[in-house]
Amino acid sequence: MEEEKKRLVAALALCNLLSAMISLYLLNLLIFNQMQQRMYSFVGRSLGKICKRRKKQCFSSYWVKPGRTDDWWMNFVNDVVVDKDWKDNFRMRKDNFLRLCDKLCSFLEKNATNLRN
């Protein structure tokens, strides 16, 4: 009987010890997860600030300057605009622009190739 009580006390002590170890493990896991979440949120905020800084440094470009409609181009083709507009928009006088176009014409025109036929 006495031997049985000692075994029972030892089994209860072992259960108590296992319960304490499991509690400590779960507490340690909880602390680790909280630290990891803080780290990820800190890194996320830091990256967000870096990305915002980079966005501020970037400039936007465009292929066609705003306000350049088909009518605007047709005014240049039909000689409706004055020489000052040529200088402002093409950075050269009209006669220089046309001379440049004549020199580049052979390079810009389509060539007859097997793929185009």
N, C-alpha and C. Protein backbone atom coordinates (compact mmCIF):
# COMPACT_ATOMS: atom_id res chain seq x y z
N MET A 1 0.82 -1.19 0.00
CA MET A 1 0.00 0.00 0.00
C MET A 1 0.87 1.26 0.00
N GLU A 2 1.89 1.24 0.85
CA GLU A 2 2.80 2.39 0.92
C GLU A 2 3.53 2.58 -0.41
N GLU A 3 3.90 1.48 -1.01
CA GLU A 3 4.60 1.53 -2.31
C GLU A 3 3.69 2.12 -3.38
N GLU A 4 2.42 1.79 -3.31
CA GLU A 4 1.45 2.29 -4.28
C GLU A 4 1.26 3.80 -4.13
N LYS A 5 1.25 4.31 -2.90
CA LYS A 5 1.12 5.76 -2.66
C LYS A 5 2.33 6.50 -3.22
N LYS A 6 3.53 5.92 -3.07
CA LYS A 6 4.74 6.56 -3.59
C LYS A 6 4.69 6.64 -5.11
N ARG A 7 4.21 5.56 -5.74
CA ARG A 7 4.09 5.58 -7.20
C ARG A 7 3.06 6.61 -7.65
N LEU A 8 1.96 6.71 -6.94
CA LEU A 8 0.92 7.68 -7.27
C LEU A 8 1.44 9.10 -7.12
N VAL A 9 2.17 9.37 -6.04
CA VAL A 9 2.75 10.71 -5.82
C VAL A 9 3.76 11.02 -6.91
N ALA A 10 4.57 10.04 -7.29
CA ALA A 10 5.57 10.24 -8.36
C ALA A 10 4.89 10.51 -9.69
N ALA A 11 3.79 9.78 -9.97
CA ALA A 11 3.05 9.98 -11.22
C ALA A 11 2.42 11.37 -11.25
N LEU A 12 1.85 11.80 -10.11
CA LEU A 12 1.26 13.15 -10.04
C LEU A 12 2.33 14.23 -10.20
N ALA A 13 3.49 14.02 -9.60
CA ALA A 13 4.59 14.98 -9.73
C ALA A 13 5.07 15.05 -11.18
N LEU A 14 5.12 13.89 -11.83
CA LEU A 14 5.53 13.86 -13.23
C LEU A 14 4.51 14.58 -14.11
N CYS A 15 3.22 14.36 -13.85
CA CYS A 15 2.17 15.07 -14.60
C CYS A 15 2.26 16.56 -14.38
N ASN A 16 2.50 16.96 -13.13
CA ASN A 16 2.63 18.38 -12.79
C ASN A 16 3.83 18.99 -13.53
N LEU A 17 4.94 18.26 -13.56
CA LEU A 17 6.14 18.73 -14.24
C LEU A 17 5.90 18.86 -15.75
N LEU A 18 5.25 17.86 -16.34
CA LEU A 18 4.93 17.93 -17.78
C LEU A 18 3.99 19.09 -18.08
N SER A 19 3.01 19.31 -17.22
CA SER A 19 2.09 20.43 -17.40
C SER A 19 2.83 21.76 -17.35
N ALA A 20 3.76 21.90 -16.41
CA ALA A 20 4.54 23.13 -16.30
C ALA A 20 5.43 23.33 -17.53
N MET A 21 6.02 22.24 -18.02
CA MET A 21 6.87 22.35 -19.20
C MET A 21 6.06 22.74 -20.44
N ILE A 22 4.87 22.17 -20.57
CA ILE A 22 4.00 22.52 -21.71
C ILE A 22 3.58 23.98 -21.62
N SER A 23 3.24 24.44 -20.42
CA SER A 23 2.86 25.84 -20.22
C SER A 23 4.01 26.78 -20.60
N LEU A 24 5.22 26.44 -20.16
CA LEU A 24 6.39 27.26 -20.50
C LEU A 24 6.65 27.26 -22.01
N TYR A 25 6.48 26.10 -22.64
CA TYR A 25 6.67 26.01 -24.08
C TYR A 25 5.67 26.89 -24.81
N LEU A 26 4.39 26.83 -24.41
CA LEU A 26 3.36 27.64 -25.05
C LEU A 26 3.60 29.13 -24.83
N LEU A 27 4.04 29.50 -23.62
CA LEU A 27 4.36 30.89 -23.33
C LEU A 27 5.53 31.36 -24.19
N ASN A 28 6.55 30.53 -24.31
CA ASN A 28 7.71 30.86 -25.14
C ASN A 28 7.29 31.02 -26.61
N LEU A 29 6.41 30.14 -27.08
CA LEU A 29 5.91 30.21 -28.45
C LEU A 29 5.12 31.49 -28.67
N LEU A 30 4.30 31.88 -27.70
CA LEU A 30 3.52 33.10 -27.79
C LEU A 30 4.43 34.33 -27.87
N ILE A 31 5.44 34.37 -27.02
CA ILE A 31 6.39 35.49 -27.02
C ILE A 31 7.14 35.55 -28.35
N PHE A 32 7.56 34.40 -28.86
CA PHE A 32 8.26 34.35 -30.14
C PHE A 32 7.38 34.88 -31.27
N ASN A 33 6.10 34.47 -31.28
CA ASN A 33 5.18 34.94 -32.33
C ASN A 33 4.96 36.44 -32.23
N GLN A 34 4.83 36.96 -31.02
CA GLN A 34 4.66 38.41 -30.85
C GLN A 34 5.88 39.17 -31.35
N MET A 35 7.06 38.67 -31.01
CA MET A 35 8.29 39.33 -31.47
C MET A 35 8.39 39.28 -33.00
N GLN A 36 8.00 38.17 -33.58
CA GLN A 36 8.06 38.03 -35.03
C GLN A 36 7.07 39.00 -35.69
N GLN A 37 5.86 39.13 -35.13
CA GLN A 37 4.89 40.07 -35.67
C GLN A 37 5.39 41.50 -35.58
N ARG A 38 6.01 41.86 -34.45
CA ARG A 38 6.57 43.20 -34.31
C ARG A 38 7.65 43.45 -35.36
N MET A 39 8.50 42.44 -35.56
CA MET A 39 9.58 42.59 -36.53
C MET A 39 8.99 42.77 -37.93
N TYR A 40 8.01 41.95 -38.29
CA TYR A 40 7.41 42.07 -39.62
C TYR A 40 6.70 43.41 -39.80
N SER A 41 6.02 43.88 -38.77
CA SER A 41 5.34 45.17 -38.90
C SER A 41 6.36 46.30 -38.99
N PHE A 42 7.47 46.19 -38.25
CA PHE A 42 8.52 47.21 -38.33
C PHE A 42 9.15 47.22 -39.72
N VAL A 43 9.46 46.01 -40.23
CA VAL A 43 10.05 45.92 -41.57
C VAL A 43 9.06 46.42 -42.61
N GLY A 44 7.79 46.08 -42.44
CA GLY A 44 6.76 46.54 -43.38
C GLY A 44 6.64 48.05 -43.39
N ARG A 45 6.66 48.65 -42.19
CA ARG A 45 6.58 50.12 -42.12
C ARG A 45 7.82 50.74 -42.74
N SER A 46 8.98 50.16 -42.47
CA SER A 46 10.23 50.70 -43.02
C SER A 46 10.23 50.61 -44.53
N LEU A 47 9.81 49.45 -45.05
CA LEU A 47 9.75 49.31 -46.51
C LEU A 47 8.73 50.25 -47.10
N GLY A 48 7.61 50.44 -46.40
CA GLY A 48 6.61 51.38 -46.88
C GLY A 48 7.16 52.79 -46.99
N LYS A 49 7.94 53.20 -45.99
CA LYS A 49 8.55 54.53 -46.03
C LYS A 49 9.55 54.63 -47.17
N ILE A 50 10.33 53.57 -47.37
CA ILE A 50 11.31 53.58 -48.46
C ILE A 50 10.59 53.67 -49.80
N CYS A 51 9.53 52.88 -49.96
CA CYS A 51 8.79 52.90 -51.22
C CYS A 51 8.16 54.27 -51.46
N LYS A 52 7.63 54.89 -50.40
CA LYS A 52 7.05 56.22 -50.56
C LYS A 52 8.12 57.22 -50.96
N ARG A 53 9.32 57.10 -50.35
CA ARG A 53 10.41 57.99 -50.72
C ARG A 53 10.78 57.80 -52.18
N ARG A 54 10.84 56.56 -52.61
CA ARG A 54 11.18 56.29 -54.01
C ARG A 54 10.11 56.82 -54.94
N LYS A 55 8.86 56.70 -54.55
CA LYS A 55 7.79 57.21 -55.40
C LYS A 55 7.89 58.72 -55.55
N LYS A 56 8.27 59.40 -54.48
CA LYS A 56 8.40 60.85 -54.56
C LYS A 56 9.53 61.25 -55.49
N GLN A 57 10.59 60.43 -55.56
CA GLN A 57 11.73 60.76 -56.39
C GLN A 57 11.46 60.50 -57.87
N CYS A 58 10.55 59.59 -58.16
CA CYS A 58 10.27 59.26 -59.55
C CYS A 58 9.50 60.40 -60.22
N PHE A 59 9.75 60.58 -61.49
CA PHE A 59 9.01 61.56 -62.24
C PHE A 59 8.24 60.83 -63.32
N SER A 60 7.13 61.39 -63.70
CA SER A 60 6.33 60.75 -64.73
C SER A 60 6.68 61.36 -66.08
N SER A 61 6.71 60.54 -67.07
CA SER A 61 6.97 61.02 -68.42
C SER A 61 5.79 60.62 -69.29
N TYR A 62 5.71 61.23 -70.45
CA TYR A 62 4.60 60.92 -71.33
C TYR A 62 5.12 60.88 -72.76
N TRP A 63 4.42 60.10 -73.57
CA TRP A 63 4.82 59.96 -74.96
C TRP A 63 4.37 61.17 -75.77
N VAL A 64 3.21 61.65 -75.47
CA VAL A 64 2.68 62.81 -76.18
C VAL A 64 2.41 63.89 -75.16
N LYS A 65 2.92 65.07 -75.42
CA LYS A 65 2.73 66.17 -74.50
C LYS A 65 1.24 66.49 -74.39
N PRO A 66 0.74 66.70 -73.18
CA PRO A 66 -0.68 67.00 -73.02
C PRO A 66 -1.09 68.21 -73.86
N GLY A 67 -2.24 68.11 -74.48
CA GLY A 67 -2.73 69.19 -75.32
C GLY A 67 -2.42 68.98 -76.79
N ARG A 68 -1.64 67.96 -77.14
CA ARG A 68 -1.29 67.68 -78.53
C ARG A 68 -2.36 66.78 -79.13
N THR A 69 -3.36 67.37 -79.70
CA THR A 69 -4.45 66.61 -80.32
C THR A 69 -4.19 66.50 -81.81
N ASP A 70 -5.08 65.80 -82.51
CA ASP A 70 -4.97 65.69 -83.97
C ASP A 70 -5.09 67.06 -84.62
N ASP A 71 -5.96 67.90 -84.07
CA ASP A 71 -6.11 69.26 -84.62
C ASP A 71 -4.82 70.04 -84.48
N TRP A 72 -4.14 69.87 -83.36
CA TRP A 72 -2.88 70.58 -83.14
C TRP A 72 -1.86 70.19 -84.21
N TRP A 73 -1.76 68.87 -84.48
CA TRP A 73 -0.81 68.40 -85.50
C TRP A 73 -1.23 68.87 -86.89
N MET A 74 -2.52 68.85 -87.18
CA MET A 74 -2.99 69.28 -88.50
C MET A 74 -2.70 70.76 -88.74
N ASN A 75 -2.71 71.56 -87.69
CA ASN A 75 -2.34 72.97 -87.84
C ASN A 75 -0.90 73.11 -88.33
N PHE A 76 -0.02 72.26 -87.85
CA PHE A 76 1.37 72.31 -88.32
C PHE A 76 1.48 71.81 -89.77
N VAL A 77 0.73 70.77 -90.09
CA VAL A 77 0.78 70.23 -91.45
C VAL A 77 0.22 71.22 -92.45
N ASN A 78 -0.85 71.90 -92.10
CA ASN A 78 -1.54 72.83 -93.01
C ASN A 78 -0.99 74.25 -92.95
N ASP A 79 0.13 74.47 -92.28
CA ASP A 79 0.76 75.80 -92.18
C ASP A 79 -0.14 76.86 -91.56
N VAL A 80 -0.92 76.47 -90.56
CA VAL A 80 -1.78 77.43 -89.87
C VAL A 80 -1.02 78.15 -88.76
N VAL A 81 0.05 77.56 -88.28
CA VAL A 81 0.79 78.13 -87.15
C VAL A 81 1.86 79.10 -87.63
N VAL A 82 2.30 79.95 -86.72
CA VAL A 82 3.34 80.93 -87.05
C VAL A 82 4.72 80.33 -86.76
N ASP A 83 5.77 81.03 -87.24
CA ASP A 83 7.14 80.52 -87.09
C ASP A 83 7.55 80.38 -85.62
N LYS A 84 7.03 81.24 -84.76
CA LYS A 84 7.38 81.16 -83.34
C LYS A 84 6.93 79.83 -82.74
N ASP A 85 5.75 79.33 -83.17
CA ASP A 85 5.27 78.03 -82.68
C ASP A 85 6.18 76.89 -83.13
N TRP A 86 6.73 77.00 -84.34
CA TRP A 86 7.69 75.99 -84.79
C TRP A 86 8.90 75.98 -83.87
N LYS A 87 9.40 77.15 -83.58
CA LYS A 87 10.60 77.27 -82.73
C LYS A 87 10.29 76.75 -81.32
N ASP A 88 9.12 77.09 -80.77
CA ASP A 88 8.76 76.67 -79.41
C ASP A 88 8.54 75.16 -79.31
N ASN A 89 7.94 74.56 -80.33
CA ASN A 89 7.56 73.15 -80.25
C ASN A 89 8.60 72.18 -80.79
N PHE A 90 9.35 72.59 -81.80
CA PHE A 90 10.35 71.69 -82.40
C PHE A 90 11.78 72.14 -82.15
N ARG A 91 11.95 73.27 -81.47
CA ARG A 91 13.26 73.82 -81.12
C ARG A 91 14.11 74.15 -82.34
N MET A 92 13.45 74.44 -83.44
CA MET A 92 14.15 74.89 -84.65
C MET A 92 13.13 75.58 -85.55
N ARG A 93 13.66 76.35 -86.48
CA ARG A 93 12.77 77.04 -87.43
C ARG A 93 12.19 76.03 -88.41
N LYS A 94 11.12 76.45 -89.08
CA LYS A 94 10.42 75.55 -89.99
C LYS A 94 11.32 75.10 -91.13
N ASP A 95 12.10 76.01 -91.72
CA ASP A 95 12.95 75.62 -92.85
C ASP A 95 14.03 74.62 -92.43
N ASN A 96 14.59 74.78 -91.23
CA ASN A 96 15.56 73.80 -90.73
C ASN A 96 14.91 72.44 -90.48
N PHE A 97 13.69 72.46 -89.96
CA PHE A 97 12.97 71.21 -89.70
C PHE A 97 12.69 70.47 -91.01
N LEU A 98 12.24 71.19 -92.03
CA LEU A 98 11.94 70.55 -93.31
C LEU A 98 13.21 70.03 -93.98
N ARG A 99 14.31 70.76 -93.85
CA ARG A 99 15.59 70.31 -94.40
C ARG A 99 16.04 69.02 -93.70
N LEU A 100 15.88 68.97 -92.39
CA LEU A 100 16.22 67.76 -91.64
C LEU A 100 15.34 66.59 -92.06
N CYS A 101 14.06 66.83 -92.26
CA CYS A 101 13.15 65.78 -92.71
C CYS A 101 13.57 65.24 -94.08
N ASP A 102 13.98 66.12 -94.99
CA ASP A 102 14.43 65.68 -96.31
C ASP A 102 15.67 64.79 -96.21
N LYS A 103 16.59 65.14 -95.32
CA LYS A 103 17.81 64.33 -95.17
C LYS A 103 17.52 62.97 -94.54
N LEU A 104 16.55 62.92 -93.64
CA LEU A 104 16.22 61.67 -92.95
C LEU A 104 15.18 60.83 -93.69
N CYS A 105 14.58 61.38 -94.71
CA CYS A 105 13.48 60.72 -95.41
C CYS A 105 13.85 59.32 -95.90
N SER A 106 15.02 59.17 -96.48
CA SER A 106 15.41 57.86 -97.02
C SER A 106 15.56 56.81 -95.91
N PHE A 107 15.90 57.23 -94.70
CA PHE A 107 16.05 56.29 -93.59
C PHE A 107 14.73 55.95 -92.92
N LEU A 108 13.75 56.85 -93.05
CA LEU A 108 12.48 56.66 -92.36
C LEU A 108 11.41 56.00 -93.22
N GLU A 109 11.55 56.04 -94.54
CA GLU A 109 10.54 55.46 -95.42
C GLU A 109 10.58 53.93 -95.36
N LYS A 110 9.44 53.32 -95.66
CA LYS A 110 9.36 51.86 -95.69
C LYS A 110 10.18 51.34 -96.87
N ASN A 111 10.82 50.23 -96.66
CA ASN A 111 11.52 49.54 -97.73
C ASN A 111 10.72 48.31 -98.13
N ALA A 112 10.79 47.97 -99.41
CA ALA A 112 10.10 46.76 -99.88
C ALA A 112 10.89 45.54 -99.42
N THR A 113 10.28 44.74 -98.57
CA THR A 113 10.92 43.51 -98.09
C THR A 113 10.00 42.33 -98.36
N ASN A 114 10.52 41.15 -98.22
CA ASN A 114 9.71 39.94 -98.44
C ASN A 114 8.56 39.85 -97.45
N LEU A 115 8.75 40.32 -96.24
CA LEU A 115 7.69 40.24 -95.23
C LEU A 115 6.56 41.22 -95.51
N ARG A 116 6.85 42.34 -96.16
CA ARG A 116 5.81 43.34 -96.44
C ARG A 116 5.02 43.01 -97.70
N ASN A 117 5.52 42.17 -98.55
CA ASN A 117 4.83 41.85 -99.81
C ASN A 117 3.70 40.89 -99.59
